[in-house]
Amino acid sequence: MEEKQIGAVDHFFDKISVSMIRLTDALKVGDKICIKSKGADLVQAVSSMQIDRVPAQEAKAGDLISVKIDQKVHKGDAVYKVSE
């Protein structure tokens, strides 16, 4: 399993379990990500994402995206794209 860092958590909304991620590389719906958090690493597929509250299928470096996340993450946690 290969990992490539593609960004970092910018903000986490715990009541709705959504993470804002600042990208340094491209990401699209269906890609698998790993967020290295203080508690435990989270690995999940990106089922949907939004850019400025508008649904998007893909995002590029520099975009600030929102993604529904399965567990709590923290600002500054590294985000990796996982390929097998």
PDB file of N, CA and C in Angstrom:
ATOM      1  N   MET A   1       0.855  -1.178   0.000  1.00  0.00           N
ATOM      2  CA  MET A   1       0.000   0.000   0.000  1.00  0.00           C
ATOM      3  C   MET A   1       0.903   1.244   0.000  1.00  0.00           C
ATOM      4  N   GLU A   2       0.763   2.068  -1.046  1.00  0.00           N
ATOM      5  CA  GLU A   2       1.542   3.297  -1.155  1.00  0.00           C
ATOM      6  C   GLU A   2       0.747   4.482  -0.647  1.00  0.00           C
ATOM      7  N   GLU A   3       1.431   5.413  -0.004  1.00  0.00           N
ATOM      8  CA  GLU A   3       0.790   6.636   0.495  1.00  0.00           C
ATOM      9  C   GLU A   3       1.544   7.842  -0.041  1.00  0.00           C
ATOM     10  N   LYS A   4       0.780   8.857  -0.471  1.00  0.00           N
ATOM     11  CA  LYS A   4       1.373  10.108  -0.936  1.00  0.00           C
ATOM     12  C   LYS A   4       0.638  11.243  -0.236  1.00  0.00           C
ATOM     13  N   GLN A   5       1.369  12.108   0.457  1.00  0.00           N
ATOM     14  CA  GLN A   5       0.704  13.208   1.161  1.00  0.00           C
ATOM     15  C   GLN A   5       0.094  14.166   0.143  1.00  0.00           C
ATOM     16  N   ILE A   6      -1.203  14.477   0.376  1.00  0.00           N
ATOM     17  CA  ILE A   6      -1.922  15.360  -0.549  1.00  0.00           C
ATOM     18  C   ILE A   6      -2.539  16.557   0.157  1.00  0.00           C
ATOM     19  N   GLY A   7      -2.269  16.717   1.456  1.00  0.00           N
ATOM     20  CA  GLY A   7      -2.831  17.865   2.156  1.00  0.00           C
ATOM     21  C   GLY A   7      -2.829  17.688   3.657  1.00  0.00           C
ATOM     22  N   ALA A   8      -3.613  18.570   4.312  1.00  0.00           N
ATOM     23  CA  ALA A   8      -3.714  18.545   5.769  1.00  0.00           C
ATOM     24  C   ALA A   8      -5.097  19.019   6.187  1.00  0.00           C
ATOM     25  N   VAL A   9      -5.513  18.544   7.346  1.00  0.00           N
ATOM     26  CA  VAL A   9      -6.804  18.959   7.904  1.00  0.00           C
ATOM     27  C   VAL A   9      -6.714  20.428   8.297  1.00  0.00           C
ATOM     28  N   ASP A  10      -7.658  21.222   7.820  1.00  0.00           N
ATOM     29  CA  ASP A  10      -7.714  22.650   8.125  1.00  0.00           C
ATOM     30  C   ASP A  10      -8.688  22.930   9.271  1.00  0.00           C
ATOM     31  N   HIS A  11      -9.767  22.134   9.336  1.00  0.00           N
ATOM     32  CA  HIS A  11     -10.785  22.305  10.373  1.00  0.00           C
ATOM     33  C   HIS A  11     -11.621  21.034  10.443  1.00  0.00           C
ATOM     34  N   PHE A  12     -12.181  20.745  11.627  1.00  0.00           N
ATOM     35  CA  PHE A  12     -13.069  19.593  11.793  1.00  0.00           C
ATOM     36  C   PHE A  12     -14.328  20.038  12.521  1.00  0.00           C
ATOM     37  N   PHE A  13     -15.482  19.733  11.921  1.00  0.00           N
ATOM     38  CA  PHE A  13     -16.777  20.039  12.528  1.00  0.00           C
ATOM     39  C   PHE A  13     -17.287  18.755  13.178  1.00  0.00           C
ATOM     40  N   ASP A  14     -17.157  18.663  14.524  1.00  0.00           N
ATOM     41  CA  ASP A  14     -17.479  17.401  15.190  1.00  0.00           C
ATOM     42  C   ASP A  14     -18.962  17.057  15.197  1.00  0.00           C
ATOM     43  N   LYS A  15     -19.854  18.029  15.237  1.00  0.00           N
ATOM     44  CA  LYS A  15     -21.289  17.703  15.287  1.00  0.00           C
ATOM     45  C   LYS A  15     -21.780  17.043  14.010  1.00  0.00           C
ATOM     46  N   ILE A  16     -21.177  17.404  12.865  1.00  0.00           N
ATOM     47  CA  ILE A  16     -21.598  16.803  11.584  1.00  0.00           C
ATOM     48  C   ILE A  16     -20.528  15.876  11.013  1.00  0.00           C
ATOM     49  N   SER A  17     -19.412  15.711  11.718  1.00  0.00           N
ATOM     50  CA  SER A  17     -18.310  14.836  11.333  1.00  0.00           C
ATOM     51  C   SER A  17     -17.809  15.127   9.914  1.00  0.00           C
ATOM     52  N   VAL A  18     -17.516  16.412   9.677  1.00  0.00           N
ATOM     53  CA  VAL A  18     -17.003  16.844   8.380  1.00  0.00           C
ATOM     54  C   VAL A  18     -15.646  17.504   8.590  1.00  0.00           C
ATOM     55  N   SER A  19     -14.703  17.138   7.735  1.00  0.00           N
ATOM     56  CA  SER A  19     -13.363  17.704   7.802  1.00  0.00           C
ATOM     57  C   SER A  19     -13.129  18.619   6.606  1.00  0.00           C
ATOM     58  N   MET A  20     -12.536  19.774   6.879  1.00  0.00           N
ATOM     59  CA  MET A  20     -12.074  20.663   5.818  1.00  0.00           C
ATOM     60  C   MET A  20     -10.611  20.297   5.578  1.00  0.00           C
ATOM     61  N   ILE A  21     -10.263  20.035   4.326  1.00  0.00           N
ATOM     62  CA  ILE A  21      -8.909  19.611   3.981  1.00  0.00           C
ATOM     63  C   ILE A  21      -8.335  20.565   2.943  1.00  0.00           C
ATOM     64  N   ARG A  22      -7.159  21.118   3.222  1.00  0.00           N
ATOM     65  CA  ARG A  22      -6.442  21.969   2.264  1.00  0.00           C
ATOM     66  C   ARG A  22      -5.544  21.052   1.446  1.00  0.00           C
ATOM     67  N   LEU A  23      -5.799  20.981   0.138  1.00  0.00           N
ATOM     68  CA  LEU A  23      -5.069  20.059  -0.729  1.00  0.00           C
ATOM     69  C   LEU A  23      -3.773  20.652  -1.267  1.00  0.00           C
ATOM     70  N   THR A  24      -2.757  19.787  -1.371  1.00  0.00           N
ATOM     71  CA  THR A  24      -1.508  20.135  -2.034  1.00  0.00           C
ATOM     72  C   THR A  24      -1.342  19.313  -3.311  1.00  0.00           C
ATOM     73  N   ASP A  25      -2.333  18.449  -3.595  1.00  0.00           N
ATOM     74  CA  ASP A  25      -2.337  17.618  -4.793  1.00  0.00           C
ATOM     75  C   ASP A  25      -3.784  17.272  -5.120  1.00  0.00           C
ATOM     76  N   ALA A  26      -4.019  16.702  -6.285  1.00  0.00           N
ATOM     77  CA  ALA A  26      -5.376  16.397  -6.745  1.00  0.00           C
ATOM     78  C   ALA A  26      -6.004  15.240  -5.970  1.00  0.00           C
ATOM     79  N   LEU A  27      -7.337  15.273  -5.881  1.00  0.00           N
ATOM     80  CA  LEU A  27      -8.121  14.226  -5.229  1.00  0.00           C
ATOM     81  C   LEU A  27      -9.456  14.149  -5.931  1.00  0.00           C
ATOM     82  N   LYS A  28     -10.010  12.919  -6.051  1.00  0.00           N
ATOM     83  CA  LYS A  28     -11.322  12.776  -6.666  1.00  0.00           C
ATOM     84  C   LYS A  28     -12.174  11.792  -5.871  1.00  0.00           C
ATOM     85  N   VAL A  29     -13.471  11.884  -6.091  1.00  0.00           N
ATOM     86  CA  VAL A  29     -14.400  10.967  -5.438  1.00  0.00           C
ATOM     87  C   VAL A  29     -14.030   9.545  -5.838  1.00  0.00           C
ATOM     88  N   GLY A  30     -14.001   8.646  -4.857  1.00  0.00           N
ATOM     89  CA  GLY A  30     -13.623   7.254  -5.091  1.00  0.00           C
ATOM     90  C   GLY A  30     -12.203   6.952  -4.635  1.00  0.00           C
ATOM     91  N   ASP A  31     -11.352   7.989  -4.529  1.00  0.00           N
ATOM     92  CA  ASP A  31      -9.992   7.785  -4.026  1.00  0.00           C
ATOM     93  C   ASP A  31     -10.043   7.382  -2.557  1.00  0.00           C
ATOM     94  N   LYS A  32      -9.055   6.616  -2.141  1.00  0.00           N
ATOM     95  CA  LYS A  32      -8.949   6.226  -0.736  1.00  0.00           C
ATOM     96  C   LYS A  32      -7.942   7.151  -0.067  1.00  0.00           C
ATOM     97  N   ILE A  33      -8.309   7.677   1.117  1.00  0.00           N
ATOM     98  CA  ILE A  33      -7.416   8.549   1.861  1.00  0.00           C
ATOM     99  C   ILE A  33      -7.091   7.948   3.227  1.00  0.00           C
ATOM    100  N   CYS A  34      -5.969   8.382   3.772  1.00  0.00           N
ATOM    101  CA  CYS A  34      -5.559   8.029   5.128  1.00  0.00           C
ATOM    102  C   CYS A  34      -5.252   9.331   5.841  1.00  0.00           C
ATOM    103  N   ILE A  35      -5.874   9.541   6.991  1.00  0.00           N
ATOM    104  CA  ILE A  35      -5.597  10.711   7.813  1.00  0.00           C
ATOM    105  C   ILE A  35      -4.859  10.226   9.049  1.00  0.00           C
ATOM    106  N   LYS A  36      -3.625  10.694   9.198  1.00  0.00           N
ATOM    107  CA  LYS A  36      -2.796  10.295  10.343  1.00  0.00           C
ATOM    108  C   LYS A  36      -3.123  11.230  11.492  1.00  0.00           C
ATOM    109  N   SER A  37      -3.918  10.715  12.441  1.00  0.00           N
ATOM    110  CA  SER A  37      -4.411  11.507  13.554  1.00  0.00           C
ATOM    111  C   SER A  37      -3.671  11.146  14.839  1.00  0.00           C
ATOM    112  N   LYS A  38      -3.867  11.964  15.863  1.00  0.00           N
ATOM    113  CA  LYS A  38      -3.207  11.728  17.141  1.00  0.00           C
ATOM    114  C   LYS A  38      -3.677  10.426  17.786  1.00  0.00           C
ATOM    115  N   GLY A  39      -4.963  10.097  17.621  1.00  0.00           N
ATOM    116  CA  GLY A  39      -5.496   8.879  18.224  1.00  0.00           C
ATOM    117  C   GLY A  39      -5.139   7.653  17.411  1.00  0.00           C
ATOM    118  N   ALA A  40      -5.739   7.528  16.249  1.00  0.00           N
ATOM    119  CA  ALA A  40      -5.507   6.383  15.371  1.00  0.00           C
ATOM    120  C   ALA A  40      -5.619   6.841  13.929  1.00  0.00           C
ATOM    121  N   ASP A  41      -4.929   6.137  13.047  1.00  0.00           N
ATOM    122  CA  ASP A  41      -5.020   6.469  11.633  1.00  0.00           C
ATOM    123  C   ASP A  41      -6.387   6.078  11.095  1.00  0.00           C
ATOM    124  N   LEU A  42      -6.928   6.907  10.231  1.00  0.00           N
ATOM    125  CA  LEU A  42      -8.234   6.676   9.614  1.00  0.00           C
ATOM    126  C   LEU A  42      -8.022   6.434   8.135  1.00  0.00           C
ATOM    127  N   VAL A  43      -8.528   5.318   7.626  1.00  0.00           N
ATOM    128  CA  VAL A  43      -8.470   5.025   6.198  1.00  0.00           C
ATOM    129  C   VAL A  43      -9.893   4.865   5.710  1.00  0.00           C
ATOM    130  N   GLN A  44     -10.255   5.621   4.668  1.00  0.00           N
ATOM    131  CA  GLN A  44     -11.604   5.504   4.108  1.00  0.00           C
ATOM    132  C   GLN A  44     -11.609   6.023   2.679  1.00  0.00           C
ATOM    133  N   ALA A  45     -12.616   5.599   1.921  1.00  0.00           N
ATOM    134  CA  ALA A  45     -12.807   6.090   0.557  1.00  0.00           C
ATOM    135  C   ALA A  45     -13.559   7.418   0.614  1.00  0.00           C
ATOM    136  N   VAL A  46     -13.262   8.297  -0.325  1.00  0.00           N
ATOM    137  CA  VAL A  46     -13.965   9.573  -0.424  1.00  0.00           C
ATOM    138  C   VAL A  46     -15.255   9.304  -1.204  1.00  0.00           C
ATOM    139  N   SER A  47     -16.394   9.332  -0.498  1.00  0.00           N
ATOM    140  CA  SER A  47     -17.673   9.043  -1.151  1.00  0.00           C
ATOM    141  C   SER A  47     -18.286  10.290  -1.775  1.00  0.00           C
ATOM    142  N   SER A  48     -17.940  11.451  -1.228  1.00  0.00           N
ATOM    143  CA  SER A  48     -18.395  12.725  -1.789  1.00  0.00           C
ATOM    144  C   SER A  48     -17.521  13.830  -1.228  1.00  0.00           C
ATOM    145  N   MET A  49     -17.495  14.954  -1.935  1.00  0.00           N
ATOM    146  CA  MET A  49     -16.754  16.108  -1.443  1.00  0.00           C
ATOM    147  C   MET A  49     -17.421  17.372  -1.953  1.00  0.00           C
ATOM    148  N   GLN A  50     -17.109  18.465  -1.280  1.00  0.00           N
ATOM    149  CA  GLN A  50     -17.638  19.765  -1.693  1.00  0.00           C
ATOM    150  C   GLN A  50     -16.504  20.784  -1.707  1.00  0.00           C
ATOM    151  N   ILE A  51     -16.628  21.737  -2.637  1.00  0.00           N
ATOM    152  CA  ILE A  51     -15.738  22.890  -2.691  1.00  0.00           C
ATOM    153  C   ILE A  51     -16.644  24.104  -2.594  1.00  0.00           C
ATOM    154  N   ASP A  52     -16.458  24.934  -1.575  1.00  0.00           N
ATOM    155  CA  ASP A  52     -17.325  26.100  -1.341  1.00  0.00           C
ATOM    156  C   ASP A  52     -18.804  25.708  -1.314  1.00  0.00           C
ATOM    157  N   ARG A  53     -19.109  24.625  -0.615  1.00  0.00           N
ATOM    158  CA  ARG A  53     -20.480  24.118  -0.430  1.00  0.00           C
ATOM    159  C   ARG A  53     -21.145  23.645  -1.718  1.00  0.00           C
ATOM    160  N   VAL A  54     -20.363  23.408  -2.766  1.00  0.00           N
ATOM    161  CA  VAL A  54     -20.881  22.905  -4.043  1.00  0.00           C
ATOM    162  C   VAL A  54     -20.298  21.513  -4.255  1.00  0.00           C
ATOM    163  N   PRO A  55     -21.154  20.500  -4.499  1.00  0.00           N
ATOM    164  CA  PRO A  55     -20.636  19.147  -4.739  1.00  0.00           C
ATOM    165  C   PRO A  55     -19.637  19.131  -5.897  1.00  0.00           C
ATOM    166  N   ALA A  56     -18.568  18.346  -5.743  1.00  0.00           N
ATOM    167  CA  ALA A  56     -17.530  18.236  -6.765  1.00  0.00           C
ATOM    168  C   ALA A  56     -17.088  16.783  -6.884  1.00  0.00           C
ATOM    169  N   GLN A  57     -16.686  16.403  -8.077  1.00  0.00           N
ATOM    170  CA  GLN A  57     -16.176  15.052  -8.317  1.00  0.00           C
ATOM    171  C   GLN A  57     -14.658  14.994  -8.172  1.00  0.00           C
ATOM    172  N   GLU A  58     -13.991  16.140  -8.381  1.00  0.00           N
ATOM    173  CA  GLU A  58     -12.544  16.182  -8.221  1.00  0.00           C
ATOM    174  C   GLU A  58     -12.109  17.576  -7.776  1.00  0.00           C
ATOM    175  N   ALA A  59     -10.929  17.612  -7.169  1.00  0.00           N
ATOM    176  CA  ALA A  59     -10.373  18.875  -6.670  1.00  0.00           C
ATOM    177  C   ALA A  59      -8.884  18.889  -6.990  1.00  0.00           C
ATOM    178  N   LYS A  60      -8.320  20.094  -7.022  1.00  0.00           N
ATOM    179  CA  LYS A  60      -6.910  20.241  -7.372  1.00  0.00           C
ATOM    180  C   LYS A  60      -6.125  20.851  -6.209  1.00  0.00           C
ATOM    181  N   ALA A  61      -4.825  20.892  -6.365  1.00  0.00           N
ATOM    182  CA  ALA A  61      -3.951  21.492  -5.357  1.00  0.00           C
ATOM    183  C   ALA A  61      -4.389  22.927  -5.097  1.00  0.00           C
ATOM    184  N   GLY A  62      -4.436  23.301  -3.831  1.00  0.00           N
ATOM    185  CA  GLY A  62      -4.847  24.645  -3.437  1.00  0.00           C
ATOM    186  C   GLY A  62      -6.305  24.737  -3.031  1.00  0.00           C
ATOM    187  N   ASP A  63      -7.125  23.747  -3.424  1.00  0.00           N
ATOM    188  CA  ASP A  63      -8.546  23.762  -3.058  1.00  0.00           C
ATOM    189  C   ASP A  63      -8.724  23.429  -1.582  1.00  0.00           C
ATOM    190  N   LEU A  64      -9.746  24.022  -0.987  1.00  0.00           N
ATOM    191  CA  LEU A  64     -10.169  23.690   0.378  1.00  0.00           C
ATOM    192  C   LEU A  64     -11.467  22.907   0.231  1.00  0.00           C
ATOM    193  N   ILE A  65     -11.417  21.618   0.532  1.00  0.00           N
ATOM    194  CA  ILE A  65     -12.580  20.755   0.328  1.00  0.00           C
ATOM    195  C   ILE A  65     -13.172  20.335   1.669  1.00  0.00           C
ATOM    196  N   SER A  66     -14.436  19.927   1.635  1.00  0.00           N
ATOM    197  CA  SER A  66     -15.072  19.344   2.819  1.00  0.00           C
ATOM    198  C   SER A  66     -15.440  17.905   2.490  1.00  0.00           C
ATOM    199  N   VAL A  67     -15.148  17.018   3.443  1.00  0.00           N
ATOM    200  CA  VAL A  67     -15.364  15.581   3.271  1.00  0.00           C
ATOM    201  C   VAL A  67     -15.956  15.025   4.558  1.00  0.00           C
ATOM    202  N   LYS A  68     -16.975  14.179   4.432  1.00  0.00           N
ATOM    203  CA  LYS A  68     -17.544  13.474   5.584  1.00  0.00           C
ATOM    204  C   LYS A  68     -16.521  12.434   6.053  1.00  0.00           C
ATOM    205  N   ILE A  69     -16.241  12.436   7.371  1.00  0.00           N
ATOM    206  CA  ILE A  69     -15.198  11.586   7.941  1.00  0.00           C
ATOM    207  C   ILE A  69     -15.808  10.667   8.997  1.00  0.00           C
ATOM    208  N   ASP A  70     -15.263   9.438   9.101  1.00  0.00           N
ATOM    209  CA  ASP A  70     -15.810   8.426  10.013  1.00  0.00           C
ATOM    210  C   ASP A  70     -15.422   8.602  11.475  1.00  0.00           C
ATOM    211  N   GLN A  71     -14.373   9.358  11.768  1.00  0.00           N
ATOM    212  CA  GLN A  71     -13.964   9.554  13.159  1.00  0.00           C
ATOM    213  C   GLN A  71     -13.346  10.935  13.322  1.00  0.00           C
ATOM    214  N   LYS A  72     -13.156  11.351  14.556  1.00  0.00           N
ATOM    215  CA  LYS A  72     -12.629  12.687  14.835  1.00  0.00           C
ATOM    216  C   LYS A  72     -11.184  12.806  14.367  1.00  0.00           C
ATOM    217  N   VAL A  73     -10.879  13.944  13.732  1.00  0.00           N
ATOM    218  CA  VAL A  73      -9.517  14.274  13.329  1.00  0.00           C
ATOM    219  C   VAL A  73      -9.194  15.662  13.878  1.00  0.00           C
ATOM    220  N   HIS A  74      -7.961  16.081  13.735  1.00  0.00           N
ATOM    221  CA  HIS A  74      -7.522  17.344  14.323  1.00  0.00           C
ATOM    222  C   HIS A  74      -6.851  18.238  13.291  1.00  0.00           C
ATOM    223  N   LYS A  75      -6.940  19.526  13.503  1.00  0.00           N
ATOM    224  CA  LYS A  75      -6.281  20.498  12.626  1.00  0.00           C
ATOM    225  C   LYS A  75      -4.795  20.159  12.538  1.00  0.00           C
ATOM    226  N   GLY A  76      -4.282  20.157  11.328  1.00  0.00           N
ATOM    227  CA  GLY A  76      -2.876  19.859  11.106  1.00  0.00           C
ATOM    228  C   GLY A  76      -2.577  18.405  10.813  1.00  0.00           C
ATOM    229  N   ASP A  77      -3.550  17.496  11.028  1.00  0.00           N
ATOM    230  CA  ASP A  77      -3.327  16.078  10.710  1.00  0.00           C
ATOM    231  C   ASP A  77      -3.026  15.944   9.225  1.00  0.00           C
ATOM    232  N   ALA A  78      -2.039  15.135   8.894  1.00  0.00           N
ATOM    233  CA  ALA A  78      -1.636  14.912   7.496  1.00  0.00           C
ATOM    234  C   ALA A  78      -2.644  14.009   6.796  1.00  0.00           C
ATOM    235  N   VAL A  79      -2.929  14.346   5.524  1.00  0.00           N
ATOM    236  CA  VAL A  79      -3.858  13.568   4.698  1.00  0.00           C
ATOM    237  C   VAL A  79      -3.063  12.956   3.544  1.00  0.00           C
ATOM    238  N   TYR A  80      -3.206  11.639   3.362  1.00  0.00           N
ATOM    239  CA  TYR A  80      -2.506  10.918   2.329  1.00  0.00           C
ATOM    240  C   TYR A  80      -3.501  10.253   1.381  1.00  0.00           C
ATOM    241  N   LYS A  81      -3.124  10.167   0.096  1.00  0.00           N
ATOM    242  CA  LYS A  81      -3.883   9.369  -0.857  1.00  0.00           C
ATOM    243  C   LYS A  81      -3.250   7.983  -0.841  1.00  0.00           C
ATOM    244  N   VAL A  82      -4.081   6.945  -0.735  1.00  0.00           N
ATOM    245  CA  VAL A  82      -3.610   5.572  -0.634  1.00  0.00           C
ATOM    246  C   VAL A  82      -3.860   4.868  -1.956  1.00  0.00           C
ATOM    247  N   SER A  83      -2.830   4.203  -2.481  1.00  0.00           N
ATOM    248  CA  SER A  83      -3.005   3.386  -3.674  1.00  0.00           C
ATOM    249  C   SER A  83      -2.443   1.997  -3.377  1.00  0.00           C
ATOM    250  N   GLU A  84      -3.088   1.002  -3.957  1.00  0.00           N
ATOM    251  CA  GLU A  84      -2.678  -0.380  -3.661  1.00  0.00           C
ATOM    252  C   GLU A  84      -1.954  -1.006  -4.810  1.00  0.00           C
TER     253      GLU A  84
END
